[in-house]
Amino acid sequence: MKTIDRGYAVDHLGELLGLVEAGEKVLIADGDRGIAILVPVTERPPHLAVDDADVPNDEVERAFHGD
């Protein structure tokens, strides 16, 4: 796993996403403290189904517009 400094990650996100798409894991760190790990998605999680991406569910509608 590659370890990348937070500042570098901000400036080079596209490059890091390319590494992840190629199958590599990337740890983003602030000094010696890990902040996040970028990992490739091997399967689309059910809650990220493309069919539902633009359709808010009832819970979201209530949160924005009330009951």
Protein backbone atom coordinates (compact mmCIF):
# COMPACT_ATOMS: atom_id res chain seq x y z
CA MET A 1 0.00 0.00 0.00
CA LYS A 2 1.33 3.41 -1.00
CA THR A 3 1.33 6.15 1.69
CA ILE A 4 0.73 9.70 0.49
CA ASP A 5 0.84 13.00 2.38
CA ARG A 6 -2.47 14.86 2.69
CA GLY A 7 -1.22 17.90 0.75
CA TYR A 8 0.03 15.77 -2.12
CA ALA A 9 -3.30 13.93 -2.21
CA VAL A 10 -5.21 17.22 -2.53
CA ASP A 11 -3.01 18.37 -5.41
CA HIS A 12 -2.85 15.00 -7.21
CA LEU A 13 -6.22 13.35 -6.68
CA GLY A 14 -6.58 12.42 -10.36
CA GLU A 15 -3.24 10.63 -10.34
CA LEU A 16 -4.13 8.78 -7.13
CA LEU A 17 -7.48 7.69 -8.54
CA GLY A 18 -5.63 6.31 -11.55
CA LEU A 19 -3.49 4.18 -9.21
CA VAL A 20 -6.60 2.97 -7.41
CA GLU A 21 -8.33 2.13 -10.70
CA ALA A 22 -5.26 0.03 -11.53
CA GLY A 23 -5.84 -1.95 -8.33
CA GLU A 24 -3.51 -0.22 -5.88
CA LYS A 25 -4.50 0.87 -2.35
CA VAL A 26 -3.46 4.36 -1.22
CA LEU A 27 -3.21 5.51 2.41
CA ILE A 28 -3.59 9.28 2.85
CA ALA A 29 -1.76 10.49 5.96
CA ASP A 30 -1.34 13.69 7.92
CA GLY A 31 2.15 13.31 9.32
CA ASP A 32 2.22 9.87 10.91
CA ARG A 33 -1.58 9.69 11.37
CA GLY A 34 -3.62 7.89 8.74
CA ILE A 35 -6.69 9.80 7.52
CA ALA A 36 -8.21 7.66 4.77
CA ILE A 37 -7.56 4.71 2.52
CA LEU A 38 -8.49 4.80 -1.16
CA VAL A 39 -9.30 1.30 -2.39
CA PRO A 40 -10.63 -0.01 -5.68
CA VAL A 41 -14.30 -0.90 -5.78
CA THR A 42 -14.55 -4.48 -6.97
CA GLU A 43 -18.34 -4.66 -6.81
CA ARG A 44 -20.90 -1.86 -6.79
CA PRO A 45 -22.42 -1.69 -3.30
CA PRO A 46 -26.23 -2.02 -3.43
CA HIS A 47 -26.76 1.46 -1.98
CA LEU A 48 -24.84 2.95 -4.94
CA ALA A 49 -26.99 1.41 -7.64
CA VAL A 50 -26.97 3.63 -10.73
CA ASP A 51 -30.75 3.28 -11.16
CA ASP A 52 -31.38 5.00 -7.83
CA ALA A 53 -28.69 7.69 -8.02
CA ASP A 54 -30.92 10.58 -9.10
CA VAL A 55 -34.11 9.56 -7.32
CA PRO A 56 -34.35 10.75 -3.70
CA ASN A 57 -36.09 8.34 -1.38
CA ASP A 58 -38.85 9.31 1.06
CA GLU A 59 -36.40 9.79 3.94
CA VAL A 60 -34.35 12.32 1.94
CA GLU A 61 -37.50 14.14 0.79
CA ARG A 62 -38.72 14.48 4.40
CA ALA A 63 -35.30 15.73 5.54
CA PHE A 64 -35.32 18.52 2.97
CA HIS A 65 -39.00 19.37 2.76
CA GLY A 66 -40.51 18.15 6.05
CA ASP A 67 -43.40 15.73 6.51
